[in-house]
Amino acid sequence: MESTSGPAPGAARAAETRDRIVDAATDCIRRWGMRRVSMNDVAQQAGVSRRTVYLHFADREALVLAVLIGVSERMVAAVEPLVRARTTLADQIAEAAVHVHAMGPGELQLGLGLRPGESEDATMLLAHSERVLSAWHGFWVPFVEEARARGEVREDVAVERATDWIMRMLISLVTVPARSFDADDPDEVRRFVAEFITRGFAP
């Protein structure tokens, strides 16, 4: 008997329902914001019962996090070719900071920046997501390794620690208001990164 590939019909239907719920939650967050969206709103928007929403997501925070993870993954995809176009690690980190900062106010159309405190809430949720952290650390590993091969990074720098440090610096660059440089000016961000942020990696 030949084996069939792909998910079982039940699993496929469950995945489709989950995706529909996440899409509905995304629409609801755009409309009302992270803090006001409810499971009832999402269920109505998705055309499913409230019980069905809870079958896929334990609580409202888990559902909101699923939406934010989708935003984060789209952000990684959007930033990667822009970062790849830069030739030094300092410029690559700065490029990521510039573009993530530029995306921030709209949060890729979620509009979180339009509601006080919601961008900060989103950042905290994502910062505690192992899936998101793993994705961003994995994103930076080849860039650090290539920089080390070029002689920009010392041989004794541990890649995992370097990517952890880059992530922490990027979060601060994007979320903490700048006092000594213009965070909206790409050239100033690049100079700041080159002057302070990557110097500790250098031979």
N, C-alpha and C. Protein backbone atom coordinates (compact mmCIF):
# COMPACT_ATOMS: atom_id res chain seq x y z
N MET A 1 0.85 -1.21 0.00
CA MET A 1 0.00 0.00 0.00
C MET A 1 0.88 1.25 0.00
N GLU A 2 0.59 2.17 -0.91
CA GLU A 2 1.41 3.36 -1.00
C GLU A 2 1.08 4.33 0.13
N SER A 3 2.14 4.97 0.66
CA SER A 3 1.93 5.96 1.70
C SER A 3 1.62 7.30 1.05
N THR A 4 0.84 8.06 1.70
CA THR A 4 0.50 9.39 1.19
C THR A 4 1.34 10.42 1.90
N SER A 5 1.69 11.48 1.20
CA SER A 5 2.47 12.56 1.81
C SER A 5 1.56 13.72 2.14
N GLY A 6 2.08 14.59 3.00
CA GLY A 6 1.30 15.76 3.39
C GLY A 6 0.49 15.49 4.64
N PRO A 7 -0.06 16.55 5.23
CA PRO A 7 -0.81 16.41 6.47
C PRO A 7 -2.13 15.68 6.26
N ALA A 8 -2.58 15.02 7.31
CA ALA A 8 -3.88 14.36 7.26
C ALA A 8 -4.97 15.41 7.10
N PRO A 9 -6.13 15.01 6.52
CA PRO A 9 -7.20 16.01 6.31
C PRO A 9 -7.58 16.76 7.57
N GLY A 10 -7.68 16.05 8.70
CA GLY A 10 -8.04 16.72 9.95
C GLY A 10 -7.01 17.75 10.37
N ALA A 11 -5.73 17.38 10.21
CA ALA A 11 -4.67 18.31 10.57
C ALA A 11 -4.67 19.53 9.65
N ALA A 12 -4.93 19.28 8.37
CA ALA A 12 -4.97 20.39 7.41
C ALA A 12 -6.12 21.35 7.73
N ARG A 13 -7.27 20.79 8.08
CA ARG A 13 -8.41 21.65 8.45
C ARG A 13 -8.11 22.45 9.71
N ALA A 14 -7.45 21.79 10.67
CA ALA A 14 -7.09 22.50 11.91
C ALA A 14 -6.13 23.65 11.62
N ALA A 15 -5.16 23.40 10.72
CA ALA A 15 -4.20 24.45 10.37
C ALA A 15 -4.90 25.60 9.66
N GLU A 16 -5.84 25.27 8.78
CA GLU A 16 -6.60 26.32 8.08
C GLU A 16 -7.42 27.15 9.06
N THR A 17 -8.03 26.47 10.03
CA THR A 17 -8.83 27.20 11.03
C THR A 17 -7.94 28.09 11.87
N ARG A 18 -6.79 27.57 12.26
CA ARG A 18 -5.86 28.37 13.06
C ARG A 18 -5.41 29.61 12.28
N ASP A 19 -5.08 29.42 11.01
CA ASP A 19 -4.66 30.56 10.18
C ASP A 19 -5.79 31.58 10.06
N ARG A 20 -7.04 31.09 9.91
CA ARG A 20 -8.18 32.01 9.80
C ARG A 20 -8.35 32.81 11.09
N ILE A 21 -8.13 32.16 12.22
CA ILE A 21 -8.23 32.85 13.51
C ILE A 21 -7.14 33.91 13.65
N VAL A 22 -5.91 33.56 13.26
CA VAL A 22 -4.81 34.53 13.34
C VAL A 22 -5.09 35.72 12.41
N ASP A 23 -5.57 35.44 11.20
CA ASP A 23 -5.90 36.54 10.29
C ASP A 23 -6.99 37.43 10.88
N ALA A 24 -7.99 36.81 11.50
CA ALA A 24 -9.07 37.59 12.12
C ALA A 24 -8.53 38.43 13.28
N ALA A 25 -7.64 37.83 14.08
CA ALA A 25 -7.04 38.57 15.19
C ALA A 25 -6.22 39.74 14.68
N THR A 26 -5.51 39.55 13.57
CA THR A 26 -4.73 40.63 12.96
C THR A 26 -5.65 41.79 12.58
N ASP A 27 -6.78 41.47 11.95
CA ASP A 27 -7.74 42.51 11.57
C ASP A 27 -8.30 43.23 12.80
N CYS A 28 -8.59 42.45 13.84
CA CYS A 28 -9.15 43.05 15.06
C CYS A 28 -8.14 43.95 15.76
N ILE A 29 -6.88 43.55 15.77
CA ILE A 29 -5.85 44.38 16.40
C ILE A 29 -5.67 45.67 15.62
N ARG A 30 -5.72 45.58 14.29
CA ARG A 30 -5.65 46.81 13.49
C ARG A 30 -6.79 47.76 13.85
N ARG A 31 -7.95 47.18 14.11
CA ARG A 31 -9.15 47.99 14.34
C ARG A 31 -9.19 48.55 15.76
N TRP A 32 -8.90 47.70 16.76
CA TRP A 32 -9.09 48.11 18.15
C TRP A 32 -7.81 48.17 18.98
N GLY A 33 -6.73 47.59 18.48
CA GLY A 33 -5.49 47.59 19.25
C GLY A 33 -5.32 46.32 20.06
N MET A 34 -4.10 46.08 20.49
CA MET A 34 -3.78 44.87 21.25
C MET A 34 -4.51 44.79 22.58
N ARG A 35 -4.66 45.93 23.24
CA ARG A 35 -5.21 45.92 24.60
C ARG A 35 -6.73 45.77 24.62
N ARG A 36 -7.38 46.11 23.53
CA ARG A 36 -8.85 46.08 23.52
C ARG A 36 -9.42 44.86 22.80
N VAL A 37 -8.62 44.18 22.01
CA VAL A 37 -9.14 43.04 21.25
C VAL A 37 -9.56 41.93 22.21
N SER A 38 -10.65 41.26 21.88
CA SER A 38 -11.14 40.18 22.74
C SER A 38 -11.29 38.90 21.94
N MET A 39 -11.37 37.78 22.65
CA MET A 39 -11.57 36.49 21.98
C MET A 39 -12.92 36.46 21.28
N ASN A 40 -13.92 37.12 21.85
CA ASN A 40 -15.23 37.19 21.19
C ASN A 40 -15.13 37.93 19.87
N ASP A 41 -14.41 39.07 19.86
CA ASP A 41 -14.21 39.83 18.62
C ASP A 41 -13.60 38.94 17.55
N VAL A 42 -12.56 38.23 17.95
CA VAL A 42 -11.82 37.40 16.98
C VAL A 42 -12.70 36.26 16.47
N ALA A 43 -13.43 35.62 17.37
CA ALA A 43 -14.31 34.53 16.96
C ALA A 43 -15.34 35.01 15.94
N GLN A 44 -15.93 36.16 16.21
CA GLN A 44 -16.93 36.71 15.29
C GLN A 44 -16.31 37.05 13.95
N GLN A 45 -15.13 37.66 13.98
CA GLN A 45 -14.45 38.03 12.74
C GLN A 45 -14.07 36.79 11.92
N ALA A 46 -13.65 35.73 12.61
CA ALA A 46 -13.22 34.51 11.93
C ALA A 46 -14.38 33.63 11.50
N GLY A 47 -15.56 33.89 12.05
CA GLY A 47 -16.71 33.07 11.73
C GLY A 47 -16.68 31.71 12.40
N VAL A 48 -16.08 31.68 13.61
CA VAL A 48 -16.02 30.43 14.38
C VAL A 48 -16.55 30.72 15.78
N SER A 49 -16.71 29.65 16.57
CA SER A 49 -17.16 29.84 17.94
C SER A 49 -16.01 30.28 18.83
N ARG A 50 -16.35 30.90 19.95
CA ARG A 50 -15.34 31.27 20.94
C ARG A 50 -14.59 30.03 21.42
N ARG A 51 -15.32 28.92 21.56
CA ARG A 51 -14.70 27.66 21.99
C ARG A 51 -13.62 27.22 20.99
N THR A 52 -13.89 27.40 19.70
CA THR A 52 -12.91 27.03 18.68
C THR A 52 -11.63 27.86 18.81
N VAL A 53 -11.80 29.15 19.08
CA VAL A 53 -10.62 30.00 19.28
C VAL A 53 -9.79 29.47 20.44
N TYR A 54 -10.45 29.08 21.54
CA TYR A 54 -9.73 28.58 22.71
C TYR A 54 -9.13 27.20 22.47
N LEU A 55 -9.66 26.46 21.53
CA LEU A 55 -9.05 25.17 21.19
C LEU A 55 -7.67 25.36 20.56
N HIS A 56 -7.49 26.48 19.90
CA HIS A 56 -6.22 26.75 19.21
C HIS A 56 -5.28 27.63 20.03
N PHE A 57 -5.85 28.46 20.89
CA PHE A 57 -5.04 29.40 21.67
C PHE A 57 -5.52 29.40 23.12
N ALA A 58 -4.59 29.19 24.03
CA ALA A 58 -4.96 29.03 25.44
C ALA A 58 -5.60 30.28 26.01
N ASP A 59 -5.15 31.45 25.56
CA ASP A 59 -5.68 32.70 26.08
C ASP A 59 -5.42 33.82 25.08
N ARG A 60 -5.86 35.00 25.44
CA ARG A 60 -5.74 36.15 24.53
C ARG A 60 -4.27 36.50 24.26
N GLU A 61 -3.43 36.38 25.30
CA GLU A 61 -2.02 36.70 25.11
C GLU A 61 -1.37 35.76 24.10
N ALA A 62 -1.72 34.48 24.13
CA ALA A 62 -1.16 33.52 23.17
C ALA A 62 -1.59 33.87 21.75
N LEU A 63 -2.82 34.31 21.60
CA LEU A 63 -3.31 34.69 20.28
C LEU A 63 -2.63 35.95 19.77
N VAL A 64 -2.51 36.94 20.63
CA VAL A 64 -1.82 38.18 20.24
C VAL A 64 -0.38 37.87 19.87
N LEU A 65 0.27 37.00 20.66
CA LEU A 65 1.65 36.64 20.36
C LEU A 65 1.76 35.98 18.99
N ALA A 66 0.79 35.14 18.63
CA ALA A 66 0.81 34.49 17.32
C ALA A 66 0.77 35.54 16.21
N VAL A 67 -0.03 36.58 16.40
CA VAL A 67 -0.09 37.67 15.42
C VAL A 67 1.26 38.38 15.33
N LEU A 68 1.84 38.67 16.49
CA LEU A 68 3.11 39.38 16.52
C LEU A 68 4.25 38.55 15.93
N ILE A 69 4.20 37.25 16.14
CA ILE A 69 5.22 36.38 15.55
C ILE A 69 5.14 36.46 14.03
N GLY A 70 3.92 36.48 13.50
CA GLY A 70 3.77 36.64 12.06
C GLY A 70 4.36 37.95 11.57
N VAL A 71 4.13 39.02 12.33
CA VAL A 71 4.72 40.32 11.99
C VAL A 71 6.23 40.24 12.01
N SER A 72 6.79 39.61 13.06
CA SER A 72 8.23 39.49 13.19
C SER A 72 8.83 38.72 12.02
N GLU A 73 8.18 37.64 11.63
CA GLU A 73 8.70 36.83 10.53
C GLU A 73 8.65 37.58 9.21
N ARG A 74 7.62 38.39 9.01
CA ARG A 74 7.57 39.21 7.81
C ARG A 74 8.65 40.29 7.85
N MET A 75 8.93 40.78 9.05
CA MET A 75 9.97 41.80 9.20
C MET A 75 11.34 41.22 8.86
N VAL A 76 11.61 39.99 9.33
CA VAL A 76 12.88 39.34 9.01
C VAL A 76 13.02 39.19 7.50
N ALA A 77 11.96 38.74 6.86
CA ALA A 77 12.00 38.55 5.41
C ALA A 77 12.23 39.86 4.67
N ALA A 78 11.65 40.94 5.16
CA ALA A 78 11.79 42.24 4.51
C ALA A 78 13.18 42.83 4.71
N VAL A 79 13.77 42.59 5.89
CA VAL A 79 15.05 43.20 6.23
C VAL A 79 16.24 42.43 5.64
N GLU A 80 16.11 41.12 5.49
CA GLU A 80 17.26 40.29 5.10
C GLU A 80 17.98 40.76 3.85
N PRO A 81 17.29 41.03 2.73
CA PRO A 81 18.03 41.47 1.54
C PRO A 81 18.68 42.84 1.71
N LEU A 82 18.10 43.70 2.52
CA LEU A 82 18.67 45.02 2.77
C LEU A 82 19.95 44.89 3.58
N VAL A 83 19.93 44.01 4.58
CA VAL A 83 21.12 43.77 5.40
C VAL A 83 22.19 43.09 4.56
N ARG A 84 21.78 42.11 3.76
CA ARG A 84 22.73 41.36 2.93
C ARG A 84 23.45 42.27 1.95
N ALA A 85 22.83 43.36 1.54
CA ALA A 85 23.45 44.27 0.58
C ALA A 85 24.62 45.05 1.18
N ARG A 86 24.71 45.11 2.51
CA ARG A 86 25.80 45.81 3.18
C ARG A 86 27.01 44.90 3.33
N THR A 87 28.20 45.48 3.35
CA THR A 87 29.42 44.67 3.28
C THR A 87 30.20 44.55 4.58
N THR A 88 29.81 45.30 5.62
CA THR A 88 30.48 45.17 6.91
C THR A 88 29.44 44.87 7.98
N LEU A 89 29.87 44.24 9.07
CA LEU A 89 28.93 43.90 10.13
C LEU A 89 28.32 45.16 10.74
N ALA A 90 29.13 46.19 10.91
CA ALA A 90 28.61 47.44 11.47
C ALA A 90 27.49 47.99 10.60
N ASP A 91 27.72 48.01 9.29
CA ASP A 91 26.69 48.50 8.38
C ASP A 91 25.47 47.59 8.36
N GLN A 92 25.69 46.29 8.50
CA GLN A 92 24.57 45.35 8.49
C GLN A 92 23.67 45.53 9.72
N ILE A 93 24.30 45.68 10.89
CA ILE A 93 23.53 45.92 12.11
C ILE A 93 22.80 47.26 12.01
N ALA A 94 23.50 48.27 11.53
CA ALA A 94 22.88 49.59 11.39
C ALA A 94 21.72 49.54 10.41
N GLU A 95 21.88 48.80 9.31
CA GLU A 95 20.81 48.70 8.32
C GLU A 95 19.57 48.07 8.93
N ALA A 96 19.78 47.01 9.70
CA ALA A 96 18.66 46.37 10.38
C ALA A 96 17.98 47.34 11.33
N ALA A 97 18.77 48.08 12.10
CA ALA A 97 18.21 49.03 13.05
C ALA A 97 17.41 50.11 12.34
N VAL A 98 17.96 50.63 11.25
CA VAL A 98 17.30 51.69 10.49
C VAL A 98 15.94 51.23 9.98
N HIS A 99 15.91 50.05 9.39
CA HIS A 99 14.67 49.60 8.76
C HIS A 99 13.65 49.08 9.76
N VAL A 100 14.11 48.42 10.81
CA VAL A 100 13.17 47.98 11.84
C VAL A 100 12.57 49.21 12.52
N HIS A 101 13.41 50.22 12.77
CA HIS A 101 12.91 51.47 13.36
C HIS A 101 11.88 52.12 12.44
N ALA A 102 12.15 52.13 11.14
CA ALA A 102 11.22 52.73 10.18
C ALA A 102 9.90 51.98 10.14
N MET A 103 9.95 50.66 10.32
CA MET A 103 8.73 49.86 10.33
C MET A 103 7.93 50.05 11.61
N GLY A 104 8.62 50.44 12.66
CA GLY A 104 8.02 50.48 13.99
C GLY A 104 6.68 51.17 14.12
N PRO A 105 6.53 52.43 13.65
CA PRO A 105 5.26 53.13 13.87
C PRO A 105 4.05 52.39 13.34
N GLY A 106 4.19 51.73 12.21
CA GLY A 106 3.05 51.00 11.66
C GLY A 106 3.04 49.54 12.03
N GLU A 107 4.18 49.04 12.55
CA GLU A 107 4.31 47.61 12.87
C GLU A 107 3.75 46.78 11.73
N LEU A 108 4.27 47.05 10.49
CA LEU A 108 3.80 46.34 9.31
C LEU A 108 2.28 46.33 9.22
N GLN A 109 1.70 47.51 9.35
CA GLN A 109 0.26 47.75 9.17
C GLN A 109 -0.60 47.38 10.37
N LEU A 110 -0.01 46.96 11.48
CA LEU A 110 -0.84 46.69 12.66
C LEU A 110 -1.25 47.99 13.36
N GLY A 111 -0.47 49.04 13.15
CA GLY A 111 -0.82 50.33 13.73
C GLY A 111 -0.57 50.43 15.23
N LEU A 112 0.33 49.59 15.77
CA LEU A 112 0.56 49.61 17.21
C LEU A 112 1.15 50.94 17.68
N GLY A 113 1.98 51.52 16.83
CA GLY A 113 2.62 52.78 17.22
C GLY A 113 1.65 53.93 17.36
N LEU A 114 0.44 53.75 16.86
CA LEU A 114 -0.57 54.80 16.95
C LEU A 114 -1.28 54.80 18.30
N ARG A 115 -1.06 53.75 19.09
CA ARG A 115 -1.72 53.63 20.40
C ARG A 115 -0.66 53.60 21.48
N PRO A 116 -0.67 54.55 22.41
CA PRO A 116 0.39 54.64 23.43
C PRO A 116 0.61 53.33 24.17
N GLY A 117 1.88 52.93 24.23
CA GLY A 117 2.27 51.76 25.01
C GLY A 117 2.18 50.44 24.28
N GLU A 118 1.50 50.39 23.13
CA GLU A 118 1.29 49.09 22.49
C GLU A 118 2.55 48.57 21.80
N SER A 119 3.37 49.45 21.24
CA SER A 119 4.63 48.99 20.66
C SER A 119 5.53 48.38 21.73
N GLU A 120 5.54 49.02 22.91
CA GLU A 120 6.34 48.48 24.01
C GLU A 120 5.81 47.14 24.48
N ASP A 121 4.48 47.02 24.55
CA ASP A 121 3.87 45.74 24.93
C ASP A 121 4.27 44.65 23.93
N ALA A 122 4.22 44.99 22.65
CA ALA A 122 4.56 44.02 21.61
C ALA A 122 6.01 43.59 21.72
N THR A 123 6.90 44.56 21.96
CA THR A 123 8.32 44.24 22.08
C THR A 123 8.56 43.29 23.24
N MET A 124 7.91 43.51 24.36
CA MET A 124 8.09 42.65 25.53
C MET A 124 7.58 41.24 25.26
N LEU A 125 6.44 41.13 24.61
CA LEU A 125 5.91 39.80 24.28
C LEU A 125 6.86 39.05 23.35
N LEU A 126 7.35 39.73 22.33
CA LEU A 126 8.26 39.09 21.38
C LEU A 126 9.59 38.74 22.03
N ALA A 127 10.06 39.59 22.93
CA ALA A 127 11.35 39.34 23.59
C ALA A 127 11.32 38.09 24.45
N HIS A 128 10.12 37.65 24.84
CA HIS A 128 10.00 36.45 25.66
C HIS A 128 9.55 35.24 24.84
N SER A 129 9.52 35.38 23.52
CA SER A 129 9.14 34.27 22.66
C SER A 129 10.39 33.54 22.18
N GLU A 130 10.53 32.28 22.54
CA GLU A 130 11.70 31.49 22.13
C GLU A 130 11.75 31.37 20.61
N ARG A 131 10.59 31.24 19.98
CA ARG A 131 10.55 31.12 18.52
C ARG A 131 11.12 32.36 17.86
N VAL A 132 10.73 33.53 18.34
CA VAL A 132 11.21 34.78 17.75
C VAL A 132 12.69 34.97 18.01
N LEU A 133 13.11 34.73 19.25
CA LEU A 133 14.53 34.91 19.59
C LEU A 133 15.40 33.96 18.78
N SER A 134 14.96 32.72 18.63
CA SER A 134 15.73 31.75 17.85
C SER A 134 15.84 32.19 16.39
N ALA A 135 14.74 32.71 15.86
CA ALA A 135 14.76 33.16 14.47
C ALA A 135 15.73 34.31 14.27
N TRP A 136 15.69 35.30 15.18
CA TRP A 136 16.58 36.44 15.03
C TRP A 136 18.04 36.07 15.30
N HIS A 137 18.28 35.20 16.28
CA HIS A 137 19.66 34.74 16.50
C HIS A 137 20.16 33.99 15.28
N GLY A 138 19.32 33.11 14.72
CA GLY A 138 19.71 32.39 13.52
C GLY A 138 19.97 33.32 12.35
N PHE A 139 19.21 34.40 12.28
CA PHE A 139 19.40 35.40 11.22
C PHE A 139 20.81 35.96 11.27
N TRP A 140 21.31 36.25 12.49
CA TRP A 140 22.60 36.94 12.61
C TRP A 140 23.81 36.01 12.57
N VAL A 141 23.63 34.73 12.79
CA VAL A 141 24.78 33.82 12.83
C VAL A 141 25.65 33.91 11.57
N PRO A 142 25.08 33.77 10.36
CA PRO A 142 25.96 33.83 9.18
C PRO A 142 26.65 35.17 9.00
N PHE A 143 26.00 36.26 9.40
CA PHE A 143 26.62 37.57 9.26
C PHE A 143 27.84 37.70 10.19
N VAL A 144 27.71 37.19 11.41
CA VAL A 144 28.85 37.24 12.34
C VAL A 144 29.97 36.33 11.85
N GLU A 145 29.61 35.14 11.38
CA GLU A 145 30.64 34.21 10.89
C GLU A 145 31.37 34.78 9.68
N GLU A 146 30.63 35.41 8.77
CA GLU A 146 31.26 36.01 7.60
C GLU A 146 32.15 37.19 7.99
N ALA A 147 31.70 37.96 8.98
CA ALA A 147 32.52 39.09 9.45
C ALA A 147 33.81 38.58 10.09
N ARG A 148 33.72 37.47 10.79
CA ARG A 148 34.92 36.89 11.39
C ARG A 148 35.87 36.40 10.30
N ALA A 149 35.33 35.81 9.25
CA ALA A 149 36.17 35.35 8.13
C ALA A 149 36.85 36.53 7.43
N ARG A 150 36.19 37.69 7.43
CA ARG A 150 36.78 38.88 6.81
C ARG A 150 37.79 39.57 7.72
N GLY A 151 37.87 39.15 8.96
CA GLY A 151 38.79 39.78 9.90
C GLY A 151 38.20 40.94 10.67
N GLU A 152 36.87 41.16 10.55
CA GLU A 152 36.22 42.24 11.29
C GLU A 152 35.93 41.85 12.73
N VAL A 153 35.83 40.56 12.97
CA VAL A 153 35.49 40.04 14.29
C VAL A 153 36.61 39.14 14.77
N ARG A 154 36.99 39.28 16.03
CA ARG A 154 38.07 38.47 16.58
C ARG A 154 37.72 36.98 16.54
N GLU A 155 38.75 36.15 16.40
CA GLU A 155 38.55 34.70 16.37
C GLU A 155 37.95 34.17 17.66
N ASP A 156 38.24 34.83 18.79
CA ASP A 156 37.78 34.30 20.08
C ASP A 156 36.36 34.76 20.45
N VAL A 157 35.72 35.52 19.58
CA VAL A 157 34.34 35.95 19.84
C VAL A 157 33.40 34.77 19.59
N ALA A 158 32.62 34.40 20.62
CA ALA A 158 31.65 33.32 20.48
C ALA A 158 30.46 33.82 19.67
N VAL A 159 30.12 33.13 18.61
CA VAL A 159 29.06 33.57 17.71
C VAL A 159 27.73 33.70 18.45
N GLU A 160 27.39 32.71 19.30
CA GLU A 160 26.12 32.75 20.01
C GLU A 160 26.03 33.96 20.93
N ARG A 161 27.12 34.28 21.61
CA ARG A 161 27.13 35.46 22.50
C ARG A 161 27.07 36.74 21.68
N ALA A 162 27.72 36.74 20.53
CA ALA A 162 27.70 37.93 19.67
C ALA A 162 26.29 38.19 19.14
N THR A 163 25.60 37.14 18.71
CA THR A 163 24.25 37.34 18.20
C THR A 163 23.30 37.77 19.31
N ASP A 164 23.51 37.25 20.52
CA ASP A 164 22.70 37.67 21.67
C ASP A 164 22.90 39.15 21.93
N TRP A 165 24.15 39.58 21.86
CA TRP A 165 24.47 40.99 22.10
C TRP A 165 23.86 41.87 21.01
N ILE A 166 23.97 41.43 19.75
CA ILE A 166 23.40 42.20 18.64
C ILE A 166 21.90 42.38 18.83
N MET A 167 21.22 41.29 19.21
CA MET A 167 19.79 41.38 19.43
C MET A 167 19.43 42.39 20.51
N ARG A 168 20.16 42.35 21.61
CA ARG A 168 19.88 43.28 22.71
C ARG A 168 20.13 44.73 22.28
N MET A 169 21.18 44.95 21.52
CA MET A 169 21.47 46.30 21.04
C MET A 169 20.42 46.79 20.04
N LEU A 170 19.99 45.87 19.17
CA LEU A 170 18.96 46.27 18.20
C LEU A 170 17.66 46.66 18.90
N ILE A 171 17.28 45.87 19.91
CA ILE A 171 16.05 46.19 20.64
C ILE A 171 16.15 47.57 21.26
N SER A 172 17.32 47.88 21.83
CA SER A 172 17.48 49.20 22.45
C SER A 172 17.51 50.31 21.40
N LEU A 173 18.15 50.05 20.26
CA LEU A 173 18.20 51.07 19.22
C LEU A 173 16.80 51.40 18.69
N VAL A 174 15.96 50.38 18.63
CA VAL A 174 14.64 50.57 18.06
C VAL A 174 13.65 51.15 19.07
N THR A 175 13.79 50.77 20.35
CA THR A 175 12.76 51.12 21.33
C THR A 175 13.13 52.28 22.26
N VAL A 176 14.44 52.53 22.44
CA VAL A 176 14.85 53.60 23.37
C VAL A 176 15.15 54.87 22.57
N PRO A 177 14.53 56.00 22.90
CA PRO A 177 14.78 57.24 22.16
C PRO A 177 16.26 57.60 22.18
N ALA A 178 16.78 58.02 21.03
CA ALA A 178 18.19 58.41 20.93
C ALA A 178 18.37 59.84 21.42
N ARG A 179 19.48 60.08 22.12
CA ARG A 179 19.77 61.42 22.64
C ARG A 179 20.93 62.08 21.91
N SER A 180 21.91 61.27 21.45
CA SER A 180 23.12 61.86 20.86
C SER A 180 23.18 61.72 19.34
N PHE A 181 22.15 61.10 18.74
CA PHE A 181 22.12 60.98 17.28
C PHE A 181 20.67 60.89 16.83
N ASP A 182 20.46 61.09 15.54
CA ASP A 182 19.11 61.05 14.97
C ASP A 182 18.82 59.62 14.52
N ALA A 183 17.94 58.93 15.24
CA ALA A 183 17.63 57.53 14.92
C ALA A 183 16.90 57.39 13.60
N ASP A 184 16.38 58.49 13.04
CA ASP A 184 15.70 58.44 11.76
C ASP A 184 16.64 58.71 10.59
N ASP A 185 17.90 59.04 10.90
CA ASP A 185 18.89 59.31 9.86
C ASP A 185 19.77 58.07 9.70
N PRO A 186 19.64 57.35 8.59
CA PRO A 186 20.41 56.10 8.41
C PRO A 186 21.91 56.28 8.56
N ASP A 187 22.45 57.38 8.04
CA ASP A 187 23.89 57.58 8.13
C ASP A 187 24.34 57.79 9.58
N GLU A 188 23.54 58.51 10.37
CA GLU A 188 23.90 58.71 11.77
C GLU A 188 23.83 57.40 12.55
N VAL A 189 22.83 56.58 12.25
CA VAL A 189 22.72 55.28 12.92
C VAL A 189 23.93 54.42 12.57
N ARG A 190 24.32 54.41 11.32
CA ARG A 190 25.48 53.61 10.91
C ARG A 190 26.75 54.07 11.61
N ARG A 191 26.94 55.39 11.70
CA ARG A 191 28.13 55.90 12.39
C ARG A 191 28.11 55.51 13.86
N PHE A 192 26.94 55.60 14.49
CA PHE A 192 26.82 55.24 15.90
C PHE A 192 27.16 53.77 16.12
N VAL A 193 26.63 52.92 15.24
CA VAL A 193 26.89 51.49 15.36
C VAL A 193 28.37 51.19 15.17
N ALA A 194 28.98 51.80 14.15
CA ALA A 194 30.39 51.55 13.88
C ALA A 194 31.28 52.06 15.00
N GLU A 195 30.90 53.19 15.58
CA GLU A 195 31.73 53.82 16.60
C GLU A 195 31.69 53.09 17.93
N PHE A 196 30.50 52.60 18.31
CA PHE A 196 30.36 52.02 19.64
C PHE A 196 29.94 50.54 19.65
N ILE A 197 29.00 50.19 18.80
CA ILE A 197 28.35 48.90 18.97
C ILE A 197 29.20 47.72 18.52
N THR A 198 29.93 47.84 17.40
CA THR A 198 30.68 46.68 16.92
C THR A 198 32.17 46.73 17.29
N ARG A 199 32.59 47.79 17.93
CA ARG A 199 34.02 47.90 18.25
C ARG A 199 34.50 46.77 19.15
N GLY A 200 33.62 46.31 20.04
CA GLY A 200 34.01 45.23 20.95
C GLY A 200 34.27 43.91 20.26
N PHE A 201 33.82 43.76 19.00
CA PHE A 201 34.06 42.53 18.26
C PHE A 201 35.39 42.57 17.53
N ALA A 202 35.93 43.76 17.34
CA ALA A 202 37.08 43.93 16.44
C ALA A 202 38.36 43.33 17.01
N PRO A 203 39.28 42.91 16.13
CA PRO A 203 40.58 42.39 16.58
C PRO A 203 41.38 43.47 17.31
